[in-house]
């Protein structure tokens, strides 16, 4: 009988089930992801991180070497996602803690390409280039809000609000409506208040998950979108999200995200439970 190990961790309370799979033997179906992430029927999480050799991932990008560790990330609804900034931090912390890498600075493969990480008290991730791709609208609570479309390996729509009261009063239990012609694969929607030139406050609705306590790529998108609105292409800001605080830097061709990565539990999945989850 194959023993299926798991860890539970979070980055600014964006939480994940991490599944070590060095032999690439786990049959991680969408149904299994959904049940794992269910907060009553499973372990509960916003997503699943599978730790697998890049050579075993058929749809890895061409720039990801075979000998890297690959973050096979799944949203809570079972769908595959390109990138997760908070997930990368948790993933990197695991690789160091488990002795799977020998350095504190190394590269990880993701479906958005290679991401460099530095693991210390905080984990810093090179998030690549954040690209403004246009503008669009999000509709929440019957009201439409203008936003800036930003690509950070995955799609985002950054909507700046006037004040903290409007941010706090948003009802994100229902997904914000968006233009499917602009975002055919769905979109993460960030609602942002600028509290100071170098400090933002944000809430986010993630595609395939719902409102989460944090979104790493979303914080990078938020800083990028706010800078774009000022006519600027470089800058840094602290971003406060419901789950904590991160630091983001943005340059024309690169960005970084720094924040915590914490493990809270580890154990073994029940084999009969795992095998009993249907398609």
C-alpha atoms as a PDB file:
ATOM      1  CA  UNK A   1       0.000   0.000   0.000  1.00  0.00           C
ATOM      2  CA  UNK A   2       1.350   3.427  -0.998  1.00  0.00           C
ATOM      3  CA  UNK A   3       1.474   5.891   1.878  1.00  0.00           C
ATOM      4  CA  UNK A   4       0.381   9.377   0.822  1.00  0.00           C
ATOM      5  CA  UNK A   5       2.077  12.059   2.884  1.00  0.00           C
ATOM      6  CA  UNK A   6       0.772  15.625   3.152  1.00  0.00           C
ATOM      7  CA  UNK A   7       1.670  18.933   4.730  1.00  0.00           C
ATOM      8  CA  UNK A   8      -0.612  21.877   5.431  1.00  0.00           C
ATOM      9  CA  UNK A   9       0.824  25.375   5.156  1.00  0.00           C
ATOM     10  CA  UNK A  10       0.018  28.940   4.256  1.00  0.00           C
ATOM     11  CA  UNK A  11       1.481  32.177   2.985  1.00  0.00           C
ATOM     12  CA  UNK A  12      -0.302  35.133   4.635  1.00  0.00           C
ATOM     13  CA  UNK A  13      -3.225  32.745   5.297  1.00  0.00           C
ATOM     14  CA  UNK A  14      -3.607  31.737   1.643  1.00  0.00           C
ATOM     15  CA  UNK A  15      -3.537  28.049   2.566  1.00  0.00           C
ATOM     16  CA  UNK A  16      -2.485  24.911   0.734  1.00  0.00           C
ATOM     17  CA  UNK A  17      -2.275  21.151   1.001  1.00  0.00           C
ATOM     18  CA  UNK A  18       1.205  20.148  -0.157  1.00  0.00           C
ATOM     19  CA  UNK A  19       1.672  16.621  -1.540  1.00  0.00           C
ATOM     20  CA  UNK A  20       5.264  15.358  -1.923  1.00  0.00           C
ATOM     21  CA  UNK A  21       5.327  13.181  -5.048  1.00  0.00           C
ATOM     22  CA  UNK A  22       8.983  12.675  -6.011  1.00  0.00           C
ATOM     23  CA  UNK A  23       8.157   9.527  -7.971  1.00  0.00           C
ATOM     24  CA  UNK A  24       5.310  11.241  -9.867  1.00  0.00           C
ATOM     25  CA  UNK A  25       2.944   8.393  -8.962  1.00  0.00           C
ATOM     26  CA  UNK A  26      -0.039  10.224  -7.474  1.00  0.00           C
ATOM     27  CA  UNK A  27      -3.195  10.288  -9.566  1.00  0.00           C
ATOM     28  CA  UNK A  28      -4.216  13.800  -8.593  1.00  0.00           C
ATOM     29  CA  UNK A  29      -7.642  14.080 -10.207  1.00  0.00           C
ATOM     30  CA  UNK A  30      -9.758  17.223 -10.116  1.00  0.00           C
ATOM     31  CA  UNK A  31     -12.208  15.415  -7.824  1.00  0.00           C
ATOM     32  CA  UNK A  32      -9.453  14.576  -5.333  1.00  0.00           C
ATOM     33  CA  UNK A  33      -8.284  18.182  -5.344  1.00  0.00           C
ATOM     34  CA  UNK A  34     -11.813  19.426  -4.671  1.00  0.00           C
ATOM     35  CA  UNK A  35     -12.322  17.068  -1.736  1.00  0.00           C
ATOM     36  CA  UNK A  36      -8.866  17.754  -0.277  1.00  0.00           C
ATOM     37  CA  UNK A  37      -9.639  21.483  -0.329  1.00  0.00           C
ATOM     38  CA  UNK A  38     -13.136  21.075   1.116  1.00  0.00           C
ATOM     39  CA  UNK A  39     -13.111  22.535   4.621  1.00  0.00           C
ATOM     40  CA  UNK A  40     -15.610  19.963   5.895  1.00  0.00           C
ATOM     41  CA  UNK A  41     -15.090  16.821   3.817  1.00  0.00           C
ATOM     42  CA  UNK A  42     -11.320  17.160   3.443  1.00  0.00           C
ATOM     43  CA  UNK A  43      -8.342  18.953   4.933  1.00  0.00           C
ATOM     44  CA  UNK A  44      -9.422  22.391   3.774  1.00  0.00           C
ATOM     45  CA  UNK A  45      -7.337  24.699   1.587  1.00  0.00           C
ATOM     46  CA  UNK A  46      -7.408  27.269  -1.193  1.00  0.00           C
ATOM     47  CA  UNK A  47      -5.353  24.972  -3.397  1.00  0.00           C
ATOM     48  CA  UNK A  48      -3.054  21.957  -3.715  1.00  0.00           C
ATOM     49  CA  UNK A  49       0.706  22.021  -4.353  1.00  0.00           C
ATOM     50  CA  UNK A  50       2.137  18.787  -5.758  1.00  0.00           C
ATOM     51  CA  UNK A  51       5.927  18.462  -5.458  1.00  0.00           C
ATOM     52  CA  UNK A  52       7.055  16.612  -8.572  1.00  0.00           C
ATOM     53  CA  UNK A  53      10.173  16.458 -10.813  1.00  0.00           C
ATOM     54  CA  UNK A  54       9.784  18.751 -13.811  1.00  0.00           C
ATOM     55  CA  UNK A  55      10.653  15.905 -16.186  1.00  0.00           C
ATOM     56  CA  UNK A  56       7.377  14.180 -15.221  1.00  0.00           C
ATOM     57  CA  UNK A  57       5.194  17.175 -16.189  1.00  0.00           C
ATOM     58  CA  UNK A  58       4.091  16.935 -19.808  1.00  0.00           C
ATOM     59  CA  UNK A  59       2.747  20.499 -20.052  1.00  0.00           C
ATOM     60  CA  UNK A  60       5.708  22.249 -18.433  1.00  0.00           C
ATOM     61  CA  UNK A  61       6.948  25.352 -20.295  1.00  0.00           C
ATOM     62  CA  UNK A  62       9.944  24.918 -22.567  1.00  0.00           C
ATOM     63  CA  UNK A  63      12.174  27.069 -20.329  1.00  0.00           C
ATOM     64  CA  UNK A  64      11.758  24.745 -17.318  1.00  0.00           C
ATOM     65  CA  UNK A  65      14.690  22.262 -17.144  1.00  0.00           C
ATOM     66  CA  UNK A  66      13.930  18.594 -16.514  1.00  0.00           C
ATOM     67  CA  UNK A  67      16.084  18.497 -13.365  1.00  0.00           C
ATOM     68  CA  UNK A  68      14.160  21.185 -11.471  1.00  0.00           C
ATOM     69  CA  UNK A  69      11.432  20.645  -8.923  1.00  0.00           C
ATOM     70  CA  UNK A  70       8.066  21.629 -10.369  1.00  0.00           C
ATOM     71  CA  UNK A  71       5.151  23.220  -8.521  1.00  0.00           C
ATOM     72  CA  UNK A  72       2.092  21.460  -9.928  1.00  0.00           C
ATOM     73  CA  UNK A  73      -0.548  23.863  -8.622  1.00  0.00           C
ATOM     74  CA  UNK A  74      -4.298  23.230  -8.600  1.00  0.00           C
ATOM     75  CA  UNK A  75      -7.047  25.652  -7.571  1.00  0.00           C
ATOM     76  CA  UNK A  76      -9.578  24.555  -4.996  1.00  0.00           C
ATOM     77  CA  UNK A  77     -12.106  23.672  -7.704  1.00  0.00           C
ATOM     78  CA  UNK A  78      -9.638  21.207  -9.247  1.00  0.00           C
ATOM     79  CA  UNK A  79      -8.606  23.387 -12.174  1.00  0.00           C
ATOM     80  CA  UNK A  80      -4.947  23.781 -13.111  1.00  0.00           C
ATOM     81  CA  UNK A  81      -3.419  27.242 -12.603  1.00  0.00           C
ATOM     82  CA  UNK A  82      -0.279  28.719 -14.088  1.00  0.00           C
ATOM     83  CA  UNK A  83       1.138  30.395 -11.009  1.00  0.00           C
ATOM     84  CA  UNK A  84       0.588  31.159  -7.315  1.00  0.00           C
ATOM     85  CA  UNK A  85       2.914  33.584  -5.531  1.00  0.00           C
ATOM     86  CA  UNK A  86       1.977  32.495  -2.020  1.00  0.00           C
ATOM     87  CA  UNK A  87       2.122  28.857  -3.094  1.00  0.00           C
ATOM     88  CA  UNK A  88       5.649  29.264  -4.458  1.00  0.00           C
ATOM     89  CA  UNK A  89       6.812  30.544  -1.076  1.00  0.00           C
ATOM     90  CA  UNK A  90       5.310  27.560   0.747  1.00  0.00           C
ATOM     91  CA  UNK A  91       6.675  25.199  -1.919  1.00  0.00           C
ATOM     92  CA  UNK A  92      10.178  26.681  -1.600  1.00  0.00           C
ATOM     93  CA  UNK A  93      10.111  26.467   2.205  1.00  0.00           C
ATOM     94  CA  UNK A  94       9.247  22.775   1.935  1.00  0.00           C
ATOM     95  CA  UNK A  95      12.118  22.037  -0.478  1.00  0.00           C
ATOM     96  CA  UNK A  96      14.601  23.588   1.969  1.00  0.00           C
ATOM     97  CA  UNK A  97      13.090  21.993   5.091  1.00  0.00           C
ATOM     98  CA  UNK A  98      12.982  18.552   3.432  1.00  0.00           C
ATOM     99  CA  UNK A  99      16.587  18.802   2.225  1.00  0.00           C
ATOM    100  CA  UNK A 100      15.555  18.494  -1.428  1.00  0.00           C
ATOM    101  CA  UNK A 101      17.696  21.523  -2.300  1.00  0.00           C
ATOM    102  CA  UNK A 102      21.079  22.363  -0.837  1.00  0.00           C
ATOM    103  CA  UNK A 103      21.030  26.143  -1.220  1.00  0.00           C
ATOM    104  CA  UNK A 104      18.845  28.938   0.064  1.00  0.00           C
ATOM    105  CA  UNK A 105      18.632  30.520  -3.382  1.00  0.00           C
ATOM    106  CA  UNK A 106      17.414  28.332  -6.241  1.00  0.00           C
ATOM    107  CA  UNK A 107      14.919  28.022  -9.087  1.00  0.00           C
ATOM    108  CA  UNK A 108      11.513  26.329  -9.239  1.00  0.00           C
ATOM    109  CA  UNK A 109       9.530  25.286 -12.301  1.00  0.00           C
ATOM    110  CA  UNK A 110       5.929  26.483 -12.680  1.00  0.00           C
ATOM    111  CA  UNK A 111       3.451  26.603 -15.548  1.00  0.00           C
ATOM    112  CA  UNK A 112       4.277  30.320 -15.801  1.00  0.00           C
ATOM    113  CA  UNK A 113       7.958  29.467 -16.269  1.00  0.00           C
ATOM    114  CA  UNK A 114      10.992  29.381 -13.987  1.00  0.00           C
ATOM    115  CA  UNK A 115      10.773  31.311 -10.720  1.00  0.00           C
ATOM    116  CA  UNK A 116      13.828  32.093  -8.587  1.00  0.00           C
ATOM    117  CA  UNK A 117      13.425  32.012  -4.804  1.00  0.00           C
ATOM    118  CA  UNK A 118      15.463  32.998  -1.761  1.00  0.00           C
ATOM    119  CA  UNK A 119      14.511  31.317   1.516  1.00  0.00           C
ATOM    120  CA  UNK A 120      15.262  33.022   4.827  1.00  0.00           C
ATOM    121  CA  UNK A 121      13.006  34.257   7.629  1.00  0.00           C
ATOM    122  CA  UNK A 122      10.857  35.476   4.737  1.00  0.00           C
ATOM    123  CA  UNK A 123      10.734  33.942   1.285  1.00  0.00           C
ATOM    124  CA  UNK A 124      11.407  36.184  -1.706  1.00  0.00           C
ATOM    125  CA  UNK A 125      10.218  35.108  -5.145  1.00  0.00           C
ATOM    126  CA  UNK A 126      11.287  36.531  -8.497  1.00  0.00           C
ATOM    127  CA  UNK A 127       7.861  36.820 -10.092  1.00  0.00           C
ATOM    128  CA  UNK A 128       8.986  37.728 -13.610  1.00  0.00           C
ATOM    129  CA  UNK A 129       7.586  40.564 -15.635  1.00  0.00           C
ATOM    130  CA  UNK A 130       4.152  41.926 -14.719  1.00  0.00           C
ATOM    131  CA  UNK A 131       2.516  43.143 -17.946  1.00  0.00           C
ATOM    132  CA  UNK A 132      -0.330  45.627 -18.233  1.00  0.00           C
ATOM    133  CA  UNK A 133      -2.472  44.279 -21.066  1.00  0.00           C
ATOM    134  CA  UNK A 134      -5.356  46.753 -21.176  1.00  0.00           C
ATOM    135  CA  UNK A 135      -8.404  47.785 -19.198  1.00  0.00           C
ATOM    136  CA  UNK A 136     -11.798  46.313 -18.425  1.00  0.00           C
ATOM    137  CA  UNK A 137     -14.633  46.337 -15.902  1.00  0.00           C
ATOM    138  CA  UNK A 138     -15.620  44.217 -12.929  1.00  0.00           C
ATOM    139  CA  UNK A 139     -19.170  44.222 -11.635  1.00  0.00           C
ATOM    140  CA  UNK A 140     -19.834  43.511  -7.960  1.00  0.00           C
ATOM    141  CA  UNK A 141     -23.012  44.203  -6.003  1.00  0.00           C
ATOM    142  CA  UNK A 142     -24.648  45.571  -9.145  1.00  0.00           C
ATOM    143  CA  UNK A 143     -21.997  48.279  -9.589  1.00  0.00           C
ATOM    144  CA  UNK A 144     -19.293  48.329 -12.247  1.00  0.00           C
ATOM    145  CA  UNK A 145     -15.731  49.300 -11.354  1.00  0.00           C
ATOM    146  CA  UNK A 146     -13.018  50.170 -13.858  1.00  0.00           C
ATOM    147  CA  UNK A 147      -9.862  48.090 -13.689  1.00  0.00           C
ATOM    148  CA  UNK A 148      -6.421  47.582 -15.193  1.00  0.00           C
ATOM    149  CA  UNK A 149      -5.710  44.167 -16.713  1.00  0.00           C
ATOM    150  CA  UNK A 150      -2.339  42.795 -15.570  1.00  0.00           C
ATOM    151  CA  UNK A 151      -0.683  39.493 -16.466  1.00  0.00           C
ATOM    152  CA  UNK A 152       1.648  37.957 -13.847  1.00  0.00           C
ATOM    153  CA  UNK A 153       1.853  34.527 -15.434  1.00  0.00           C
ATOM    154  CA  UNK A 154      -1.887  34.402 -14.744  1.00  0.00           C
ATOM    155  CA  UNK A 155      -4.631  36.979 -15.457  1.00  0.00           C
ATOM    156  CA  UNK A 156      -5.664  39.779 -13.072  1.00  0.00           C
ATOM    157  CA  UNK A 157      -7.977  42.771 -13.067  1.00  0.00           C
ATOM    158  CA  UNK A 158      -6.925  45.492 -10.601  1.00  0.00           C
ATOM    159  CA  UNK A 159      -9.738  47.809  -9.496  1.00  0.00           C
ATOM    160  CA  UNK A 160      -8.795  50.840  -7.381  1.00  0.00           C
ATOM    161  CA  UNK A 161     -11.479  52.025  -4.946  1.00  0.00           C
ATOM    162  CA  UNK A 162     -11.868  55.413  -3.278  1.00  0.00           C
ATOM    163  CA  UNK A 163     -11.640  54.447   0.369  1.00  0.00           C
ATOM    164  CA  UNK A 164     -11.298  51.665   2.920  1.00  0.00           C
ATOM    165  CA  UNK A 165     -15.018  51.692   3.774  1.00  0.00           C
ATOM    166  CA  UNK A 166     -15.940  50.736   0.216  1.00  0.00           C
ATOM    167  CA  UNK A 167     -13.309  48.010   0.260  1.00  0.00           C
ATOM    168  CA  UNK A 168     -14.584  46.593   3.549  1.00  0.00           C
ATOM    169  CA  UNK A 169     -18.227  46.610   2.427  1.00  0.00           C
ATOM    170  CA  UNK A 170     -17.721  44.610  -0.773  1.00  0.00           C
ATOM    171  CA  UNK A 171     -19.668  41.351  -0.927  1.00  0.00           C
ATOM    172  CA  UNK A 172     -17.333  38.875  -2.619  1.00  0.00           C
ATOM    173  CA  UNK A 173     -19.352  35.775  -1.791  1.00  0.00           C
ATOM    174  CA  UNK A 174     -20.532  35.965  -5.411  1.00  0.00           C
ATOM    175  CA  UNK A 175     -17.825  36.090  -8.086  1.00  0.00           C
ATOM    176  CA  UNK A 176     -17.439  39.536  -9.678  1.00  0.00           C
ATOM    177  CA  UNK A 177     -18.709  39.624 -13.243  1.00  0.00           C
ATOM    178  CA  UNK A 178     -16.115  40.315 -15.951  1.00  0.00           C
ATOM    179  CA  UNK A 179     -15.811  40.433 -19.732  1.00  0.00           C
ATOM    180  CA  UNK A 180     -15.128  36.876 -20.982  1.00  0.00           C
ATOM    181  CA  UNK A 181     -13.836  38.258 -24.277  1.00  0.00           C
ATOM    182  CA  UNK A 182     -11.033  39.996 -22.365  1.00  0.00           C
ATOM    183  CA  UNK A 183     -10.488  37.093 -19.947  1.00  0.00           C
ATOM    184  CA  UNK A 184     -11.449  33.862 -21.745  1.00  0.00           C
ATOM    185  CA  UNK A 185      -9.717  31.723 -19.074  1.00  0.00           C
ATOM    186  CA  UNK A 186     -11.221  33.590 -16.124  1.00  0.00           C
ATOM    187  CA  UNK A 187      -9.555  36.226 -13.977  1.00  0.00           C
ATOM    188  CA  UNK A 188      -8.460  37.042 -10.439  1.00  0.00           C
ATOM    189  CA  UNK A 189     -10.033  40.349  -9.412  1.00  0.00           C
ATOM    190  CA  UNK A 190      -8.215  42.626  -6.955  1.00  0.00           C
ATOM    191  CA  UNK A 191      -9.939  45.517  -5.181  1.00  0.00           C
ATOM    192  CA  UNK A 192      -7.380  48.010  -3.914  1.00  0.00           C
ATOM    193  CA  UNK A 193      -7.212  51.145  -1.786  1.00  0.00           C
ATOM    194  CA  UNK A 194      -4.106  53.350  -1.915  1.00  0.00           C
ATOM    195  CA  UNK A 195      -3.353  54.286   1.702  1.00  0.00           C
ATOM    196  CA  UNK A 196       0.009  55.923   0.964  1.00  0.00           C
ATOM    197  CA  UNK A 197       2.320  56.103  -2.076  1.00  0.00           C
ATOM    198  CA  UNK A 198       4.092  52.962  -0.860  1.00  0.00           C
ATOM    199  CA  UNK A 199       1.231  51.200   0.954  1.00  0.00           C
ATOM    200  CA  UNK A 200      -1.848  49.458  -0.430  1.00  0.00           C
ATOM    201  CA  UNK A 201      -4.743  47.542   1.086  1.00  0.00           C
ATOM    202  CA  UNK A 202      -6.348  44.779  -0.964  1.00  0.00           C
ATOM    203  CA  UNK A 203      -9.051  42.143  -1.132  1.00  0.00           C
ATOM    204  CA  UNK A 204      -9.157  39.536  -3.878  1.00  0.00           C
ATOM    205  CA  UNK A 205     -11.541  37.093  -5.506  1.00  0.00           C
ATOM    206  CA  UNK A 206      -9.527  34.257  -7.063  1.00  0.00           C
ATOM    207  CA  UNK A 207     -10.828  32.309 -10.039  1.00  0.00           C
ATOM    208  CA  UNK A 208     -11.600  28.721  -9.111  1.00  0.00           C
ATOM    209  CA  UNK A 209     -11.448  29.483  -5.377  1.00  0.00           C
ATOM    210  CA  UNK A 210     -13.475  32.514  -4.247  1.00  0.00           C
ATOM    211  CA  UNK A 211     -12.332  35.248  -1.900  1.00  0.00           C
ATOM    212  CA  UNK A 212      -9.028  34.298  -0.292  1.00  0.00           C
ATOM    213  CA  UNK A 213      -7.083  35.797   2.584  1.00  0.00           C
ATOM    214  CA  UNK A 214      -4.238  36.633   0.213  1.00  0.00           C
ATOM    215  CA  UNK A 215      -3.062  36.231  -3.386  1.00  0.00           C
ATOM    216  CA  UNK A 216       0.647  36.576  -4.135  1.00  0.00           C
ATOM    217  CA  UNK A 217       0.378  37.221  -7.861  1.00  0.00           C
ATOM    218  CA  UNK A 218      -2.547  39.501  -7.042  1.00  0.00           C
ATOM    219  CA  UNK A 219      -0.395  41.731  -4.819  1.00  0.00           C
ATOM    220  CA  UNK A 220       2.155  42.055  -7.642  1.00  0.00           C
ATOM    221  CA  UNK A 221      -0.660  42.883 -10.057  1.00  0.00           C
ATOM    222  CA  UNK A 222      -2.068  45.448  -7.603  1.00  0.00           C
ATOM    223  CA  UNK A 223       1.221  47.322  -7.256  1.00  0.00           C
ATOM    224  CA  UNK A 224       1.736  47.174 -11.034  1.00  0.00           C
ATOM    225  CA  UNK A 225      -1.761  48.502 -11.699  1.00  0.00           C
ATOM    226  CA  UNK A 226      -1.428  51.366  -9.217  1.00  0.00           C
ATOM    227  CA  UNK A 227       1.953  52.360 -10.648  1.00  0.00           C
ATOM    228  CA  UNK A 228       0.490  52.261 -14.157  1.00  0.00           C
ATOM    229  CA  UNK A 229      -2.280  54.607 -13.058  1.00  0.00           C
ATOM    230  CA  UNK A 230       0.383  57.106 -11.973  1.00  0.00           C
ATOM    231  CA  UNK A 231       2.260  56.788 -15.234  1.00  0.00           C
ATOM    232  CA  UNK A 232       5.108  54.950 -13.505  1.00  0.00           C
ATOM    233  CA  UNK A 233       6.826  51.680 -14.392  1.00  0.00           C
ATOM    234  CA  UNK A 234       8.962  51.046 -11.284  1.00  0.00           C
ATOM    235  CA  UNK A 235       8.267  51.144  -7.571  1.00  0.00           C
ATOM    236  CA  UNK A 236       7.752  49.232  -4.357  1.00  0.00           C
ATOM    237  CA  UNK A 237       4.945  48.954  -1.857  1.00  0.00           C
ATOM    238  CA  UNK A 238       3.799  47.095   1.206  1.00  0.00           C
ATOM    239  CA  UNK A 239       0.469  45.391   0.569  1.00  0.00           C
ATOM    240  CA  UNK A 240      -1.900  44.644   3.445  1.00  0.00           C
ATOM    241  CA  UNK A 241      -4.267  41.774   2.783  1.00  0.00           C
ATOM    242  CA  UNK A 242      -6.699  40.105   5.221  1.00  0.00           C
ATOM    243  CA  UNK A 243      -4.119  37.379   5.920  1.00  0.00           C
ATOM    244  CA  UNK A 244      -1.146  39.623   6.667  1.00  0.00           C
ATOM    245  CA  UNK A 245       1.373  41.730   4.817  1.00  0.00           C
ATOM    246  CA  UNK A 246       3.808  41.308   1.905  1.00  0.00           C
ATOM    247  CA  UNK A 247       6.346  43.501   0.152  1.00  0.00           C
ATOM    248  CA  UNK A 248       6.329  43.904  -3.628  1.00  0.00           C
ATOM    249  CA  UNK A 249       8.836  45.534  -5.974  1.00  0.00           C
ATOM    250  CA  UNK A 250       8.102  46.167  -9.632  1.00  0.00           C
ATOM    251  CA  UNK A 251      10.529  47.021 -12.436  1.00  0.00           C
ATOM    252  CA  UNK A 252       9.829  47.212 -16.190  1.00  0.00           C
ATOM    253  CA  UNK A 253      11.100  43.670 -16.807  1.00  0.00           C
ATOM    254  CA  UNK A 254      10.868  42.015 -13.378  1.00  0.00           C
ATOM    255  CA  UNK A 255       9.059  41.942 -10.046  1.00  0.00           C
ATOM    256  CA  UNK A 256       9.592  40.382  -6.623  1.00  0.00           C
ATOM    257  CA  UNK A 257       7.321  39.270  -3.802  1.00  0.00           C
ATOM    258  CA  UNK A 258       8.511  38.816  -0.207  1.00  0.00           C
ATOM    259  CA  UNK A 259       6.478  37.348   2.625  1.00  0.00           C
ATOM    260  CA  UNK A 260       6.137  34.527   5.154  1.00  0.00           C
ATOM    261  CA  UNK A 261       5.659  30.812   4.505  1.00  0.00           C
ATOM    262  CA  UNK A 262       4.453  28.687   7.419  1.00  0.00           C
ATOM    263  CA  UNK A 263       3.731  24.984   7.926  1.00  0.00           C
ATOM    264  CA  UNK A 264       1.120  24.063  10.523  1.00  0.00           C
ATOM    265  CA  UNK A 265       0.630  20.290  10.157  1.00  0.00           C
ATOM    266  CA  UNK A 266       1.819  17.140   8.436  1.00  0.00           C
ATOM    267  CA  UNK A 267       0.509  13.627   8.283  1.00  0.00           C
ATOM    268  CA  UNK A 268      -0.756  10.799   6.095  1.00  0.00           C
ATOM    269  CA  UNK A 269      -3.946  10.576   4.034  1.00  0.00           C
ATOM    270  CA  UNK A 270      -6.224   7.624   4.627  1.00  0.00           C
ATOM    271  CA  UNK A 271      -5.759   5.250   1.694  1.00  0.00           C
ATOM    272  CA  UNK A 272      -9.376   4.043   1.591  1.00  0.00           C
ATOM    273  CA  UNK A 273     -10.632   7.645   1.648  1.00  0.00           C
ATOM    274  CA  UNK A 274      -8.298   8.638  -1.187  1.00  0.00           C
ATOM    275  CA  UNK A 275      -9.242   5.657  -3.353  1.00  0.00           C
ATOM    276  CA  UNK A 276     -12.943   6.172  -2.650  1.00  0.00           C
ATOM    277  CA  UNK A 277     -13.040   9.653  -4.191  1.00  0.00           C
ATOM    278  CA  UNK A 278     -14.786   9.354  -7.545  1.00  0.00           C
ATOM    279  CA  UNK A 279     -14.067  11.259 -10.727  1.00  0.00           C
END
